[in-house]
Structures are given as C-alpha cells and as structure tokens.
Amino acid sequence: MSQYLLSVHMVEGEAAPPPEEMQQAFKDVDALNEEIKQAGAWVFAGGLEPADTATVVREEKGKILTTDGPFVEGKEHIGGFWVIQAADLDEALDWAKRATVACRGAVEVRPFQDDTES
C-alpha cells in the first residue's frame, strides 16, 4: 500500500456557495470520510483556514525570518486535504473522484515518496 495526498484547491475571490450548499458539502465530506475509514484507506484529513492566515518561516543567512501570508503569491491555495492509503494510483484516483464531488472543489492526487529504497 502506498500513501497519497488528495489536496483540495480553492480559488481566492470566487463567490462562496450559498449556506445550504455548504452545509450539504460538509455532510457529503463527512459521509466520504466514513467510507474511507470503513475501507481501511484512512490515514488523516483536515480543512485549512484561508491562505491569508498563513505564516512562512525560513532561514536566511543564519537568521530565522517569519512573514505573514502564504508562501506562494497566487489566487489558488490548498483548502483541505486527505492522506489515504491505496493499492495504486487508480485506487487513489477513485477516491479523488468521490472527493471532488463531495467537497465541490478540484482535487489533486500526489503519491508520497517511497522511503523503502533507502
């Protein structure tokens, strides 16, 4: 089994769905989370606060600097994610198809690096 990151992308400035649609999306995501857990694919998941709440920490010339805001200047940011276990990419993509419908956002699928080849 490999682990995959399913990241949900949000676009800054897009109109938020009506409250009743958001409530349904929350219910749909909760139901999907239960399905992922029941299938034994669950590792971890979480939603993120907006990108403007981020703080970037970096080292520069021996000093640690912190700056407000996201690392990447852009309109698209990760709004939430799942870490799942899947037999292969096809299985991870099947979960992503369900995730994009449930959360009503684009979902990117990326495998974690395989650390068994050390």
Protein backbone atom coordinates (compact mmCIF):
# COMPACT_ATOMS: atom_id res chain seq x y z
CA MET A 1 0.00 0.00 0.00
CA SER A 2 1.17 3.48 -0.84
CA GLN A 3 0.07 6.76 0.69
CA TYR A 4 -1.41 9.55 -1.40
CA LEU A 5 -2.21 13.18 -0.72
CA LEU A 6 -5.58 14.29 -2.05
CA SER A 7 -5.45 18.09 -1.81
CA VAL A 8 -8.48 20.29 -2.33
CA HIS A 9 -7.77 23.51 -4.19
CA MET A 10 -9.72 26.70 -3.59
CA VAL A 11 -9.63 29.86 -5.67
CA GLU A 12 -9.42 33.16 -3.82
CA GLY A 13 -12.14 35.62 -4.74
CA GLU A 14 -14.60 33.03 -6.05
CA ALA A 15 -18.07 33.55 -4.68
CA ALA A 16 -18.84 31.22 -1.80
CA PRO A 17 -21.68 28.77 -2.41
CA PRO A 18 -24.96 29.51 -0.63
CA PRO A 19 -25.04 28.37 3.04
CA GLU A 20 -27.37 25.44 2.34
CA GLU A 21 -24.99 24.14 -0.35
CA MET A 22 -22.03 24.49 2.02
CA GLN A 23 -23.89 22.57 4.72
CA GLN A 24 -24.62 19.80 2.23
CA ALA A 25 -20.95 19.74 1.18
CA PHE A 26 -19.92 19.34 4.84
CA LYS A 27 -22.35 16.42 5.19
CA ASP A 28 -21.09 14.87 1.95
CA VAL A 29 -17.46 15.15 3.08
CA ASP A 30 -18.34 13.61 6.46
CA ALA A 31 -20.02 10.70 4.65
CA LEU A 32 -17.00 10.26 2.37
CA ASN A 33 -14.68 10.31 5.40
CA GLU A 34 -16.68 7.46 6.91
CA GLU A 35 -16.46 5.48 3.65
CA ILE A 36 -12.69 5.98 3.50
CA LYS A 37 -12.39 4.82 7.13
CA GLN A 38 -14.62 1.78 6.56
CA ALA A 39 -12.50 0.81 3.52
CA GLY A 40 -9.32 0.96 5.63
CA ALA A 41 -7.83 3.70 3.44
CA TRP A 42 -7.98 6.49 6.06
CA VAL A 43 -4.76 8.00 7.38
CA PHE A 44 -5.58 11.65 8.12
CA ALA A 45 -7.58 14.59 6.77
CA GLY A 46 -8.23 18.21 7.59
CA GLY A 47 -9.56 21.51 6.36
CA LEU A 48 -7.38 24.60 6.39
CA GLU A 49 -8.09 28.21 7.29
CA PRO A 50 -7.77 30.73 4.41
CA ALA A 51 -4.31 31.27 2.95
CA ASP A 52 -4.08 34.80 4.35
CA THR A 53 -3.83 33.27 7.85
CA ALA A 54 -0.56 31.52 6.93
CA THR A 55 2.87 32.38 8.29
CA VAL A 56 6.02 31.45 6.38
CA VAL A 57 9.15 30.56 8.36
CA ARG A 58 12.50 30.48 6.56
CA GLU A 59 16.21 30.61 7.27
CA GLU A 60 18.23 33.30 5.55
CA LYS A 61 21.93 33.92 6.24
CA GLY A 62 21.73 32.19 9.61
CA LYS A 63 18.64 34.08 10.76
CA ILE A 64 15.10 32.80 11.04
CA LEU A 65 12.57 35.07 9.35
CA THR A 66 8.78 34.93 9.55
CA THR A 67 6.43 36.64 7.12
CA ASP A 68 2.66 36.87 7.03
CA GLY A 69 0.67 35.32 4.25
CA PRO A 70 1.06 32.28 2.05
CA PHE A 71 4.42 31.21 0.65
CA VAL A 72 3.14 31.35 -2.92
CA GLU A 73 1.61 34.56 -4.22
CA GLY A 74 -1.42 33.40 -6.14
CA LYS A 75 -5.16 33.01 -6.19
CA GLU A 76 -5.22 29.22 -5.79
CA HIS A 77 -4.43 27.62 -2.44
CA ILE A 78 -4.92 24.31 -0.69
CA GLY A 79 -8.14 24.46 1.30
CA GLY A 80 -8.02 20.99 2.79
CA PHE A 81 -6.64 17.51 2.24
CA TRP A 82 -6.83 13.79 2.84
CA VAL A 83 -3.91 11.43 3.32
CA ILE A 84 -5.05 7.97 2.26
CA GLN A 85 -3.60 4.51 1.72
CA ALA A 86 -4.28 2.96 -1.66
CA ALA A 87 -3.04 -0.07 -3.54
CA ASP A 88 -2.16 2.06 -6.57
CA LEU A 89 -2.80 5.34 -8.37
CA ASP A 90 -6.04 4.07 -9.88
CA GLU A 91 -7.48 3.41 -6.44
CA ALA A 92 -6.34 6.85 -5.23
CA LEU A 93 -7.98 8.44 -8.28
CA ASP A 94 -11.24 6.64 -7.49
CA TRP A 95 -11.23 8.25 -4.04
CA ALA A 96 -10.36 11.63 -5.59
CA LYS A 97 -13.33 11.39 -7.96
CA ARG A 98 -15.61 10.96 -4.97
CA ALA A 99 -13.80 13.69 -3.04
CA THR A 100 -14.19 16.32 -5.77
CA VAL A 101 -17.95 15.71 -5.84
CA ALA A 102 -18.26 15.76 -2.04
CA CYS A 103 -16.20 18.90 -1.40
CA ARG A 104 -17.13 20.72 -4.61
CA GLY A 105 -13.52 21.65 -5.34
CA ALA A 106 -10.68 20.46 -7.56
CA VAL A 107 -8.65 17.64 -6.01
CA GLU A 108 -5.00 16.99 -6.83
CA VAL A 109 -3.61 13.48 -6.25
CA ARG A 110 0.08 13.03 -5.40
CA PRO A 111 1.89 9.98 -4.09
CA PHE A 112 4.20 10.28 -1.12
CA GLN A 113 7.81 9.39 -1.79
CA ASP A 114 8.60 5.75 -1.18
CA ASP A 115 11.15 5.68 1.64
CA THR A 116 11.74 1.92 1.46
CA GLU A 117 14.55 2.40 -1.08
CA SER A 118 16.99 3.96 1.41
